[in-house]
C-alpha atoms as a PDB file:
ATOM      1  CA  MET A   1     -23.125   5.377  -6.043  1.00  0.00           C
ATOM      2  CA  LYS A   2     -20.745   6.494  -3.661  1.00  0.00           C
ATOM      3  CA  LYS A   3     -18.359   3.739  -4.206  1.00  0.00           C
ATOM      4  CA  LEU A   4     -17.710   4.351  -8.399  1.00  0.00           C
ATOM      5  CA  PHE A   5     -17.406   7.711  -7.378  1.00  0.00           C
ATOM      6  CA  THR A   6     -14.473   7.758  -4.950  1.00  0.00           C
ATOM      7  CA  ILE A   7     -12.664   5.603  -7.245  1.00  0.00           C
ATOM      8  CA  ALA A   8     -12.868   7.986 -10.139  1.00  0.00           C
ATOM      9  CA  THR A   9     -12.199  10.432  -7.667  1.00  0.00           C
ATOM     10  CA  ALA A  10      -8.696   8.500  -7.336  1.00  0.00           C
ATOM     11  CA  VAL A  11      -8.067   7.635 -10.603  1.00  0.00           C
ATOM     12  CA  LEU A  12      -8.024  11.018 -11.642  1.00  0.00           C
ATOM     13  CA  ALA A  13      -6.043  12.025  -8.660  1.00  0.00           C
ATOM     14  CA  LEU A  14      -3.089   9.444  -9.465  1.00  0.00           C
ATOM     15  CA  ALA A  15      -4.021  10.969 -13.365  1.00  0.00           C
ATOM     16  CA  PHE A  16      -2.396  14.236 -12.444  1.00  0.00           C
ATOM     17  CA  ILE A  17       1.080  12.815 -10.142  1.00  0.00           C
ATOM     18  CA  SER A  18       4.277  13.702 -11.722  1.00  0.00           C
ATOM     19  CA  CYS A  19       7.566  14.015 -10.108  1.00  0.00           C
ATOM     20  CA  ALA A  20      10.287  15.801 -11.345  1.00  0.00           C
ATOM     21  CA  SER A  21      13.893  16.642  -9.951  1.00  0.00           C
ATOM     22  CA  TYR A  22      17.130  17.747 -11.119  1.00  0.00           C
ATOM     23  CA  ARG A  23      20.360  17.234 -10.787  1.00  0.00           C
ATOM     24  CA  PRO A  24      24.129  18.791 -12.002  1.00  0.00           C
ATOM     25  CA  VAL A  25      25.703  16.976 -14.381  1.00  0.00           C
ATOM     26  CA  ALA A  26      29.134  18.867 -14.618  1.00  0.00           C
ATOM     27  CA  ALA A  27      30.522  21.935 -13.910  1.00  0.00           C
ATOM     28  CA  GLY A  28      33.723  23.977 -15.740  1.00  0.00           C
ATOM     29  CA  PRO A  29      36.318  26.391 -13.777  1.00  0.00           C
ATOM     30  CA  GLY A  30      34.541  29.282 -15.446  1.00  0.00           C
ATOM     31  CA  LYS A  31      31.548  30.942 -13.646  1.00  0.00           C
ATOM     32  CA  VAL A  32      28.011  30.242 -14.052  1.00  0.00           C
ATOM     33  CA  GLY A  33      27.272  31.914 -17.598  1.00  0.00           C
ATOM     34  CA  SER A  34      24.907  34.962 -18.748  1.00  0.00           C
ATOM     35  CA  LYS A  35      23.438  32.619 -21.572  1.00  0.00           C
ATOM     36  CA  HIS A  36      21.046  29.524 -20.874  1.00  0.00           C
ATOM     37  CA  GLY A  37      20.424  26.912 -23.518  1.00  0.00           C
ATOM     38  CA  GLU A  38      17.724  23.903 -22.779  1.00  0.00           C
ATOM     39  CA  ALA A  39      17.420  20.545 -24.668  1.00  0.00           C
ATOM     40  CA  THR A  40      14.619  17.749 -24.144  1.00  0.00           C
ATOM     41  CA  SER A  41      13.786  14.191 -24.991  1.00  0.00           C
ATOM     42  CA  ALA A  42      11.124  12.037 -24.119  1.00  0.00           C
ATOM     43  CA  ASN A  43       9.372   8.586 -23.976  1.00  0.00           C
ATOM     44  CA  LEU A  44       6.187   6.668 -23.351  1.00  0.00           C
ATOM     45  CA  LEU A  45       6.755   3.514 -21.358  1.00  0.00           C
ATOM     46  CA  GLY A  46      10.307   3.629 -20.856  1.00  0.00           C
ATOM     47  CA  PHE A  47      10.745   2.566 -24.554  1.00  0.00           C
ATOM     48  CA  ILE A  48       8.727   4.211 -26.865  1.00  0.00           C
ATOM     49  CA  PRO A  49      10.728   7.184 -28.192  1.00  0.00           C
ATOM     50  CA  LEU A  50       8.909  10.391 -28.750  1.00  0.00           C
ATOM     51  CA  GLY A  51      11.811  12.705 -30.068  1.00  0.00           C
ATOM     52  CA  GLY A  52      14.321  15.278 -29.208  1.00  0.00           C
ATOM     53  CA  ASP A  53      18.280  15.550 -28.550  1.00  0.00           C
ATOM     54  CA  ASN A  54      18.832  16.339 -24.628  1.00  0.00           C
ATOM     55  CA  THR A  55      22.372  16.008 -25.289  1.00  0.00           C
ATOM     56  CA  MET A  56      24.748  18.801 -24.270  1.00  0.00           C
ATOM     57  CA  LEU A  57      26.078  19.796 -27.684  1.00  0.00           C
ATOM     58  CA  ARG A  58      22.041  20.274 -28.456  1.00  0.00           C
ATOM     59  CA  ALA A  59      21.565  22.322 -25.257  1.00  0.00           C
ATOM     60  CA  ALA A  60      24.973  24.658 -25.806  1.00  0.00           C
ATOM     61  CA  GLN A  61      23.646  25.034 -29.471  1.00  0.00           C
ATOM     62  CA  ASN A  62      20.203  26.171 -28.720  1.00  0.00           C
ATOM     63  CA  GLY A  63      21.715  28.642 -26.326  1.00  0.00           C
ATOM     64  CA  GLY A  64      24.342  29.892 -28.908  1.00  0.00           C
ATOM     65  CA  ILE A  65      26.896  29.038 -25.996  1.00  0.00           C
ATOM     66  CA  GLU A  66      30.612  28.150 -27.114  1.00  0.00           C
ATOM     67  CA  HIS A  67      32.099  28.051 -23.695  1.00  0.00           C
ATOM     68  CA  ILE A  68      30.314  25.476 -20.937  1.00  0.00           C
ATOM     69  CA  ALA A  69      30.895  26.011 -17.148  1.00  0.00           C
ATOM     70  CA  THR A  70      27.209  24.057 -15.389  1.00  0.00           C
ATOM     71  CA  VAL A  71      25.638  21.447 -17.122  1.00  0.00           C
ATOM     72  CA  ASP A  72      22.294  20.243 -15.304  1.00  0.00           C
ATOM     73  CA  GLN A  73      19.467  17.891 -15.804  1.00  0.00           C
ATOM     74  CA  LYS A  74      15.936  17.784 -14.912  1.00  0.00           C
ATOM     75  CA  TYR A  75      13.620  14.409 -15.506  1.00  0.00           C
ATOM     76  CA  PHE A  76      10.067  14.183 -15.529  1.00  0.00           C
ATOM     77  CA  SER A  77       7.740  11.669 -14.782  1.00  0.00           C
ATOM     78  CA  LEU A  78       4.105  11.704 -15.283  1.00  0.00           C
ATOM     79  CA  LEU A  79       3.167   8.181 -13.497  1.00  0.00           C
ATOM     80  CA  GLY A  80       6.410   6.235 -15.474  1.00  0.00           C
ATOM     81  CA  ILE A  81       3.691   6.766 -18.188  1.00  0.00           C
ATOM     82  CA  TYR A  82       5.679   9.490 -19.929  1.00  0.00           C
ATOM     83  CA  THR A  83       8.840  10.348 -19.258  1.00  0.00           C
ATOM     84  CA  SER A  84      11.590  13.440 -20.365  1.00  0.00           C
ATOM     85  CA  VAL A  85      14.864  14.691 -19.583  1.00  0.00           C
ATOM     86  CA  THR A  86      15.743  18.028 -19.719  1.00  0.00           C
ATOM     87  CA  THR A  87      20.118  19.030 -20.064  1.00  0.00           C
ATOM     88  CA  ILE A  88      20.095  22.577 -19.032  1.00  0.00           C
ATOM     89  CA  VAL A  89      23.342  24.015 -20.051  1.00  0.00           C
ATOM     90  CA  THR A  90      25.234  27.507 -18.818  1.00  0.00           C
ATOM     91  CA  GLY A  91      27.860  29.054 -20.780  1.00  0.00           C
ATOM     92  CA  GLU A  92      29.092  31.872 -22.576  1.00  0.00           C
END
């Protein structure tokens, strides 16, 4: 019984492990803008798309941005089963 409890606890702990990281993609000659837009796409197992559009164009449209100043991307993974990429754009 104690062994089963230990295994169940380990499985539950792994289920809640995730990873998120940011990386800069591009920066323009201007200052960081006051407007902010995001666009996200997600997938299962790395190859089954769940939808979304994480392009710079979509992020700029979502934030009402006409002149892009910076572009960053945020990566999130939950045990490699679920992953998402969010493009973050600032500008005017």
